[in-house]
């Protein structure tokens, strides 16, 4: 397995994480980086052996996206 392009923790499902992120963000790119990071950390949280850290990282990106949207709404 290629350590750069095919990490086990991103390819363990029937589709790759990057394909899911691209599909999620291509129609509506608003917040794409945050949304992609959220999905990435949720995707791999039980594959790398440190679920709590990955879930906290996902939460950080969720909070960042919420703050950006709240600023935009005002």
Protein backbone atom coordinates (compact mmCIF):
# COMPACT_ATOMS: atom_id res chain seq x y z
CA UNK A 1 0.00 0.00 0.00
CA UNK A 2 1.33 3.43 -0.95
CA UNK A 3 1.92 5.51 2.20
CA UNK A 4 1.29 8.76 0.31
CA UNK A 5 -1.82 8.13 -1.77
CA UNK A 6 -3.50 5.05 -0.28
CA UNK A 7 -3.37 5.13 3.50
CA UNK A 8 -5.32 2.26 5.09
CA UNK A 9 -7.24 4.61 7.39
CA UNK A 10 -8.63 6.45 4.33
CA UNK A 11 -9.26 3.47 2.07
CA UNK A 12 -10.91 0.96 4.40
CA UNK A 13 -14.44 1.64 3.13
CA UNK A 14 -15.98 0.90 -0.24
CA UNK A 15 -14.96 4.40 -1.41
CA UNK A 16 -11.96 6.52 -0.49
CA UNK A 17 -12.30 9.43 1.88
CA UNK A 18 -11.03 11.92 -0.72
CA UNK A 19 -13.77 10.84 -3.15
CA UNK A 20 -16.41 11.40 -0.48
CA UNK A 21 -14.99 14.84 0.34
CA UNK A 22 -14.86 15.83 -3.32
CA UNK A 23 -18.42 14.64 -3.86
CA UNK A 24 -19.61 16.52 -0.80
CA UNK A 25 -17.96 19.82 -1.71
CA UNK A 26 -18.04 20.03 -5.51
CA UNK A 27 -21.65 21.24 -5.75
CA UNK A 28 -21.34 23.67 -2.84
CA UNK A 29 -17.76 24.66 -2.04
CA UNK A 30 -18.67 26.95 0.88
CA UNK A 31 -16.65 25.90 3.89
CA UNK A 32 -15.02 23.15 1.83
CA UNK A 33 -11.80 23.01 3.86
CA UNK A 34 -13.60 22.79 7.20
CA UNK A 35 -16.19 20.33 5.86
CA UNK A 36 -13.51 18.17 4.29
CA UNK A 37 -11.46 18.15 7.47
CA UNK A 38 -14.51 17.26 9.56
CA UNK A 39 -15.26 14.30 7.32
CA UNK A 40 -11.59 13.25 7.23
CA UNK A 41 -11.29 13.11 11.01
CA UNK A 42 -14.61 11.34 11.44
CA UNK A 43 -13.70 8.89 8.67
CA UNK A 44 -10.45 7.78 10.27
CA UNK A 45 -11.19 8.14 13.99
CA UNK A 46 -11.44 4.41 14.70
CA UNK A 47 -8.82 3.36 12.14
CA UNK A 48 -5.73 5.05 13.63
CA UNK A 49 -6.09 4.04 17.26
CA UNK A 50 -6.70 7.51 18.71
CA UNK A 51 -10.39 8.16 18.19
CA UNK A 52 -10.64 10.80 20.90
CA UNK A 53 -7.99 13.03 19.32
CA UNK A 54 -9.52 12.74 15.86
CA UNK A 55 -13.00 13.49 17.23
CA UNK A 56 -11.65 16.58 19.02
CA UNK A 57 -10.05 17.72 15.77
CA UNK A 58 -13.37 17.23 13.96
CA UNK A 59 -15.08 19.27 16.69
CA UNK A 60 -12.52 22.06 16.23
CA UNK A 61 -13.34 22.26 12.52
CA UNK A 62 -17.09 22.16 13.25
CA UNK A 63 -16.69 25.07 15.65
CA UNK A 64 -14.59 26.97 13.12
CA UNK A 65 -17.23 26.50 10.43
CA UNK A 66 -19.99 27.61 12.81
CA UNK A 67 -18.03 30.77 13.69
CA UNK A 68 -17.43 31.58 10.02
CA UNK A 69 -21.11 31.14 9.17
CA UNK A 70 -22.20 33.23 12.16
CA UNK A 71 -19.86 36.07 11.10
CA UNK A 72 -21.17 35.87 7.57
CA UNK A 73 -24.80 36.02 8.79
CA UNK A 74 -24.23 39.33 10.59
